[in-house]
Amino acid sequence: MPRNPIHTELAPAAIGPYSQAVRSGNLVFLSGQTPLDPATGVLVEGDISVQARRAFDNIKAVCEAAGGSMDDIVRVGLYLTDLGQFTAVNAVMAEYFQTPYPARSTIEVPALPKGADFEVDAVLVLP
């Protein structure tokens, strides 16, 4: 099955040899999004909630470019440099999703690109 890349100017450009997302059949695999401002490519300033909102806004933009929405996401992966920030990130995630919630994993990592404290990736199933 072919891989069809997805790209939008409303999310940060890839900073390496990868696509913002790839569609194969009705599945869309979204690359990790950190809290980069899509217009400047610069990390947004603010606490973990501000960073999480920017990253989720980036994921939302890629979902829409693929022809879907946040409601079509079936799995998300959350990456935090400090699991002590989990409660704040969880509250932000609840602003973007409704029941039934997607499956999720949450992983603490030692570092993320460009000094971000948060990253999210996802899998989307289009109708």
N, C-alpha and C. Protein backbone atom coordinates (compact mmCIF):
# COMPACT_ATOMS: atom_id res chain seq x y z
N MET A 1 0.85 -1.17 0.00
CA MET A 1 0.00 0.00 0.00
C MET A 1 0.91 1.25 0.00
N PRO A 2 0.60 2.24 -0.82
CA PRO A 2 1.48 3.41 -0.92
C PRO A 2 1.41 4.29 0.34
N ARG A 3 2.52 5.00 0.55
CA ARG A 3 2.59 6.00 1.63
C ARG A 3 2.37 7.37 0.99
N ASN A 4 1.39 8.07 1.48
CA ASN A 4 1.09 9.40 0.96
C ASN A 4 1.38 10.43 2.04
N PRO A 5 2.36 11.30 1.81
CA PRO A 5 2.71 12.29 2.83
C PRO A 5 1.63 13.36 2.98
N ILE A 6 1.49 13.83 4.20
CA ILE A 6 0.56 14.91 4.53
C ILE A 6 1.41 16.09 4.98
N HIS A 7 1.06 17.29 4.50
CA HIS A 7 1.80 18.48 4.90
C HIS A 7 0.85 19.67 5.01
N THR A 8 1.07 20.50 6.01
CA THR A 8 0.33 21.75 6.15
C THR A 8 1.27 22.82 6.66
N GLU A 9 1.07 24.03 6.21
CA GLU A 9 1.82 25.18 6.69
C GLU A 9 1.33 25.60 8.08
N LEU A 10 0.19 25.04 8.53
CA LEU A 10 -0.38 25.40 9.83
C LEU A 10 0.24 24.63 10.99
N ALA A 11 1.22 23.78 10.67
CA ALA A 11 2.00 23.06 11.68
C ALA A 11 3.47 23.25 11.30
N PRO A 12 4.36 23.12 12.28
CA PRO A 12 5.79 23.32 11.98
C PRO A 12 6.28 22.35 10.90
N ALA A 13 7.17 22.83 10.07
CA ALA A 13 7.80 21.98 9.06
C ALA A 13 8.65 20.92 9.75
N ALA A 14 8.79 19.78 9.12
CA ALA A 14 9.64 18.73 9.66
C ALA A 14 11.07 19.25 9.80
N ILE A 15 11.72 18.87 10.90
CA ILE A 15 13.10 19.32 11.12
C ILE A 15 14.09 18.18 10.87
N GLY A 16 13.68 17.25 10.05
CA GLY A 16 14.53 16.11 9.70
C GLY A 16 13.93 15.39 8.51
N PRO A 17 14.45 14.20 8.21
CA PRO A 17 13.98 13.44 7.06
C PRO A 17 12.71 12.63 7.38
N TYR A 18 11.62 13.34 7.60
CA TYR A 18 10.33 12.69 7.88
C TYR A 18 9.21 13.61 7.41
N SER A 19 8.00 13.06 7.36
CA SER A 19 6.80 13.82 6.99
C SER A 19 6.03 14.20 8.24
N GLN A 20 5.24 15.27 8.16
CA GLN A 20 4.38 15.62 9.29
C GLN A 20 3.43 14.47 9.59
N ALA A 21 2.97 13.80 8.55
CA ALA A 21 2.13 12.62 8.69
C ALA A 21 2.21 11.83 7.39
N VAL A 22 1.83 10.57 7.48
CA VAL A 22 1.78 9.70 6.30
C VAL A 22 0.47 8.94 6.34
N ARG A 23 -0.23 8.97 5.19
CA ARG A 23 -1.48 8.21 5.06
C ARG A 23 -1.21 6.94 4.29
N SER A 24 -1.77 5.86 4.79
CA SER A 24 -1.74 4.57 4.10
C SER A 24 -3.12 3.95 4.27
N GLY A 25 -3.87 3.88 3.18
CA GLY A 25 -5.26 3.44 3.28
C GLY A 25 -6.04 4.46 4.09
N ASN A 26 -6.79 3.98 5.09
CA ASN A 26 -7.55 4.93 5.92
C ASN A 26 -6.83 5.26 7.22
N LEU A 27 -5.56 4.83 7.34
CA LEU A 27 -4.76 5.14 8.52
C LEU A 27 -3.84 6.32 8.24
N VAL A 28 -3.72 7.20 9.24
CA VAL A 28 -2.80 8.33 9.15
C VAL A 28 -1.93 8.29 10.39
N PHE A 29 -0.63 8.23 10.18
CA PHE A 29 0.35 8.20 11.26
C PHE A 29 0.97 9.59 11.36
N LEU A 30 0.70 10.27 12.48
CA LEU A 30 1.17 11.63 12.68
C LEU A 30 2.49 11.61 13.43
N SER A 31 3.48 12.27 12.87
CA SER A 31 4.78 12.40 13.54
C SER A 31 4.62 13.23 14.80
N GLY A 32 5.59 13.11 15.68
CA GLY A 32 5.56 13.88 16.91
C GLY A 32 5.56 15.37 16.64
N GLN A 33 4.75 16.08 17.42
CA GLN A 33 4.70 17.54 17.34
C GLN A 33 5.12 18.10 18.70
N THR A 34 6.10 18.96 18.65
CA THR A 34 6.53 19.68 19.84
C THR A 34 5.87 21.07 19.80
N PRO A 35 6.03 21.85 20.85
CA PRO A 35 5.36 23.15 20.88
C PRO A 35 6.08 24.24 20.09
N LEU A 36 6.32 23.98 18.83
CA LEU A 36 6.92 24.98 17.96
C LEU A 36 5.82 25.81 17.31
N ASP A 37 6.05 27.10 17.24
CA ASP A 37 5.15 27.99 16.53
C ASP A 37 5.33 27.71 15.04
N PRO A 38 4.26 27.36 14.32
CA PRO A 38 4.42 27.02 12.90
C PRO A 38 4.90 28.18 12.04
N ALA A 39 4.62 29.40 12.45
CA ALA A 39 5.03 30.56 11.65
C ALA A 39 6.51 30.86 11.79
N THR A 40 7.08 30.59 12.97
CA THR A 40 8.47 30.96 13.22
C THR A 40 9.41 29.78 13.40
N GLY A 41 8.85 28.61 13.73
CA GLY A 41 9.69 27.45 14.02
C GLY A 41 10.36 27.54 15.38
N VAL A 42 9.95 28.50 16.19
CA VAL A 42 10.54 28.73 17.50
C VAL A 42 9.64 28.12 18.58
N LEU A 43 10.27 27.56 19.61
CA LEU A 43 9.56 26.99 20.74
C LEU A 43 8.75 28.09 21.44
N VAL A 44 7.45 27.82 21.71
CA VAL A 44 6.64 28.81 22.41
C VAL A 44 7.14 28.96 23.84
N GLU A 45 6.97 30.15 24.38
CA GLU A 45 7.36 30.40 25.76
C GLU A 45 6.17 30.15 26.67
N GLY A 46 6.44 29.59 27.85
CA GLY A 46 5.39 29.37 28.82
C GLY A 46 5.55 28.04 29.51
N ASP A 47 4.63 27.79 30.42
CA ASP A 47 4.69 26.57 31.22
C ASP A 47 4.25 25.36 30.39
N ILE A 48 4.18 24.22 31.03
CA ILE A 48 3.86 22.97 30.32
C ILE A 48 2.47 23.02 29.69
N SER A 49 1.52 23.73 30.30
CA SER A 49 0.19 23.84 29.71
C SER A 49 0.22 24.60 28.40
N VAL A 50 0.99 25.68 28.35
CA VAL A 50 1.15 26.46 27.12
C VAL A 50 1.81 25.59 26.05
N GLN A 51 2.85 24.86 26.44
CA GLN A 51 3.54 23.99 25.49
C GLN A 51 2.61 22.89 24.98
N ALA A 52 1.85 22.29 25.87
CA ALA A 52 0.95 21.20 25.46
C ALA A 52 -0.12 21.71 24.50
N ARG A 53 -0.69 22.88 24.78
CA ARG A 53 -1.71 23.43 23.88
C ARG A 53 -1.15 23.67 22.48
N ARG A 54 0.06 24.22 22.40
CA ARG A 54 0.66 24.47 21.08
C ARG A 54 0.89 23.16 20.34
N ALA A 55 1.40 22.15 21.05
CA ALA A 55 1.65 20.85 20.41
C ALA A 55 0.34 20.21 19.94
N PHE A 56 -0.72 20.28 20.78
CA PHE A 56 -2.01 19.72 20.37
C PHE A 56 -2.60 20.53 19.21
N ASP A 57 -2.41 21.85 19.20
CA ASP A 57 -2.87 22.65 18.05
C ASP A 57 -2.15 22.22 16.78
N ASN A 58 -0.87 21.91 16.89
CA ASN A 58 -0.11 21.44 15.73
C ASN A 58 -0.65 20.09 15.24
N ILE A 59 -0.93 19.18 16.18
CA ILE A 59 -1.51 17.87 15.81
C ILE A 59 -2.86 18.08 15.13
N LYS A 60 -3.67 18.97 15.68
CA LYS A 60 -5.00 19.26 15.11
C LYS A 60 -4.86 19.74 13.67
N ALA A 61 -3.90 20.62 13.40
CA ALA A 61 -3.71 21.14 12.05
C ALA A 61 -3.33 20.03 11.08
N VAL A 62 -2.48 19.10 11.51
CA VAL A 62 -2.09 17.99 10.65
C VAL A 62 -3.27 17.05 10.42
N CYS A 63 -4.07 16.80 11.47
CA CYS A 63 -5.29 15.98 11.31
C CYS A 63 -6.19 16.57 10.24
N GLU A 64 -6.41 17.87 10.33
CA GLU A 64 -7.29 18.54 9.37
C GLU A 64 -6.71 18.50 7.96
N ALA A 65 -5.40 18.63 7.83
CA ALA A 65 -4.76 18.54 6.51
C ALA A 65 -4.93 17.15 5.91
N ALA A 66 -5.05 16.15 6.77
CA ALA A 66 -5.25 14.77 6.31
C ALA A 66 -6.71 14.48 5.99
N GLY A 67 -7.60 15.42 6.28
CA GLY A 67 -9.02 15.22 6.03
C GLY A 67 -9.78 14.68 7.22
N GLY A 68 -9.18 14.75 8.39
CA GLY A 68 -9.83 14.24 9.59
C GLY A 68 -9.94 15.30 10.66
N SER A 69 -10.19 14.83 11.87
CA SER A 69 -10.32 15.73 13.01
C SER A 69 -9.77 15.02 14.25
N MET A 70 -9.71 15.73 15.34
CA MET A 70 -9.24 15.15 16.59
C MET A 70 -10.14 13.97 17.01
N ASP A 71 -11.39 14.00 16.62
CA ASP A 71 -12.31 12.91 16.96
C ASP A 71 -11.95 11.61 16.24
N ASP A 72 -11.13 11.68 15.20
CA ASP A 72 -10.72 10.49 14.45
C ASP A 72 -9.44 9.86 14.99
N ILE A 73 -8.83 10.49 15.98
CA ILE A 73 -7.60 9.95 16.57
C ILE A 73 -7.94 8.75 17.45
N VAL A 74 -7.24 7.64 17.22
CA VAL A 74 -7.47 6.43 18.01
C VAL A 74 -6.37 6.15 19.03
N ARG A 75 -5.20 6.78 18.84
CA ARG A 75 -4.09 6.58 19.77
C ARG A 75 -3.22 7.82 19.80
N VAL A 76 -2.79 8.21 21.01
CA VAL A 76 -1.82 9.28 21.16
C VAL A 76 -0.67 8.78 22.03
N GLY A 77 0.49 9.32 21.75
CA GLY A 77 1.66 9.09 22.59
C GLY A 77 2.09 10.42 23.16
N LEU A 78 2.25 10.50 24.47
CA LEU A 78 2.69 11.72 25.13
C LEU A 78 4.10 11.51 25.65
N TYR A 79 4.94 12.50 25.46
CA TYR A 79 6.34 12.44 25.89
C TYR A 79 6.62 13.69 26.71
N LEU A 80 7.02 13.50 27.96
CA LEU A 80 7.29 14.61 28.87
C LEU A 80 8.70 14.46 29.43
N THR A 81 9.36 15.59 29.62
CA THR A 81 10.68 15.54 30.25
C THR A 81 10.56 15.46 31.77
N ASP A 82 9.34 15.65 32.29
CA ASP A 82 9.11 15.57 33.74
C ASP A 82 7.70 15.04 33.98
N LEU A 83 7.60 13.79 34.42
CA LEU A 83 6.28 13.21 34.69
C LEU A 83 5.55 13.92 35.81
N GLY A 84 6.24 14.74 36.57
CA GLY A 84 5.59 15.57 37.57
C GLY A 84 4.63 16.57 36.94
N GLN A 85 4.74 16.80 35.64
CA GLN A 85 3.87 17.71 34.89
C GLN A 85 2.66 16.98 34.29
N PHE A 86 2.53 15.69 34.57
CA PHE A 86 1.49 14.87 33.95
C PHE A 86 0.09 15.42 34.19
N THR A 87 -0.23 15.86 35.40
CA THR A 87 -1.57 16.33 35.72
C THR A 87 -1.94 17.54 34.85
N ALA A 88 -1.01 18.46 34.67
CA ALA A 88 -1.28 19.63 33.84
C ALA A 88 -1.49 19.24 32.38
N VAL A 89 -0.67 18.33 31.88
CA VAL A 89 -0.81 17.87 30.49
C VAL A 89 -2.13 17.13 30.31
N ASN A 90 -2.49 16.32 31.29
CA ASN A 90 -3.74 15.57 31.24
C ASN A 90 -4.93 16.53 31.14
N ALA A 91 -4.88 17.63 31.89
CA ALA A 91 -5.96 18.62 31.85
C ALA A 91 -6.06 19.27 30.47
N VAL A 92 -4.91 19.57 29.86
CA VAL A 92 -4.92 20.14 28.51
C VAL A 92 -5.47 19.13 27.51
N MET A 93 -5.05 17.88 27.61
CA MET A 93 -5.54 16.85 26.69
C MET A 93 -7.07 16.77 26.74
N ALA A 94 -7.63 16.91 27.93
CA ALA A 94 -9.09 16.83 28.08
C ALA A 94 -9.81 17.96 27.34
N GLU A 95 -9.10 19.06 27.04
CA GLU A 95 -9.68 20.16 26.27
C GLU A 95 -9.81 19.80 24.79
N TYR A 96 -9.03 18.84 24.32
CA TYR A 96 -8.97 18.51 22.89
C TYR A 96 -9.73 17.23 22.52
N PHE A 97 -10.06 16.41 23.50
CA PHE A 97 -10.71 15.14 23.22
C PHE A 97 -11.96 14.98 24.07
N GLN A 98 -12.87 14.17 23.56
CA GLN A 98 -14.07 13.82 24.32
C GLN A 98 -14.23 12.32 24.29
N THR A 99 -15.10 11.80 25.14
CA THR A 99 -15.29 10.36 25.19
C THR A 99 -15.93 9.89 23.89
N PRO A 100 -15.58 8.72 23.43
CA PRO A 100 -14.55 7.84 23.99
C PRO A 100 -13.16 8.37 23.66
N TYR A 101 -12.33 8.45 24.67
CA TYR A 101 -10.97 8.97 24.50
C TYR A 101 -10.11 8.00 23.72
N PRO A 102 -9.10 8.50 23.02
CA PRO A 102 -8.18 7.60 22.33
C PRO A 102 -7.32 6.82 23.33
N ALA A 103 -6.78 5.73 22.87
CA ALA A 103 -5.78 5.01 23.68
C ALA A 103 -4.58 5.93 23.82
N ARG A 104 -3.79 5.72 24.90
CA ARG A 104 -2.69 6.64 25.14
C ARG A 104 -1.56 5.95 25.88
N SER A 105 -0.36 6.38 25.56
CA SER A 105 0.79 6.03 26.38
C SER A 105 1.44 7.35 26.79
N THR A 106 2.05 7.35 27.97
CA THR A 106 2.75 8.53 28.48
C THR A 106 4.13 8.09 28.93
N ILE A 107 5.14 8.74 28.39
CA ILE A 107 6.52 8.30 28.64
C ILE A 107 7.36 9.50 29.06
N GLU A 108 8.14 9.33 30.12
CA GLU A 108 9.10 10.36 30.50
C GLU A 108 10.38 10.13 29.71
N VAL A 109 10.89 11.21 29.13
CA VAL A 109 12.11 11.15 28.32
C VAL A 109 13.12 12.15 28.87
N PRO A 110 14.41 11.90 28.66
CA PRO A 110 15.41 12.83 29.20
C PRO A 110 15.48 14.16 28.47
N ALA A 111 15.13 14.18 27.18
CA ALA A 111 15.20 15.42 26.40
C ALA A 111 14.34 15.28 25.16
N LEU A 112 13.94 16.44 24.62
CA LEU A 112 13.16 16.50 23.39
C LEU A 112 13.79 17.54 22.46
N PRO A 113 13.48 17.47 21.16
CA PRO A 113 14.07 18.42 20.22
C PRO A 113 13.83 19.87 20.61
N LYS A 114 14.84 20.70 20.36
CA LYS A 114 14.79 22.15 20.58
C LYS A 114 14.50 22.54 22.02
N GLY A 115 14.73 21.63 22.96
CA GLY A 115 14.55 21.95 24.37
C GLY A 115 13.11 21.93 24.84
N ALA A 116 12.21 21.33 24.06
CA ALA A 116 10.80 21.25 24.46
C ALA A 116 10.66 20.36 25.69
N ASP A 117 9.59 20.60 26.43
CA ASP A 117 9.26 19.76 27.59
C ASP A 117 8.16 18.76 27.27
N PHE A 118 7.55 18.88 26.07
CA PHE A 118 6.40 18.04 25.71
C PHE A 118 6.39 17.76 24.22
N GLU A 119 5.96 16.56 23.87
CA GLU A 119 5.75 16.16 22.48
C GLU A 119 4.58 15.21 22.44
N VAL A 120 3.84 15.21 21.34
CA VAL A 120 2.70 14.30 21.16
C VAL A 120 2.74 13.77 19.74
N ASP A 121 2.44 12.47 19.60
CA ASP A 121 2.22 11.88 18.28
C ASP A 121 0.88 11.17 18.31
N ALA A 122 0.42 10.73 17.14
CA ALA A 122 -0.94 10.16 17.10
C ALA A 122 -1.11 9.26 15.89
N VAL A 123 -2.17 8.46 15.98
CA VAL A 123 -2.64 7.65 14.86
C VAL A 123 -4.11 8.00 14.66
N LEU A 124 -4.45 8.27 13.41
CA LEU A 124 -5.77 8.71 13.02
C LEU A 124 -6.37 7.67 12.09
N VAL A 125 -7.66 7.39 12.25
CA VAL A 125 -8.35 6.51 11.32
C VAL A 125 -9.43 7.34 10.63
N LEU A 126 -9.31 7.46 9.31
CA LEU A 126 -10.29 8.23 8.55
C LEU A 126 -11.48 7.35 8.20
N PRO A 127 -12.66 7.96 8.18
CA PRO A 127 -13.86 7.16 7.83
C PRO A 127 -13.85 6.67 6.40
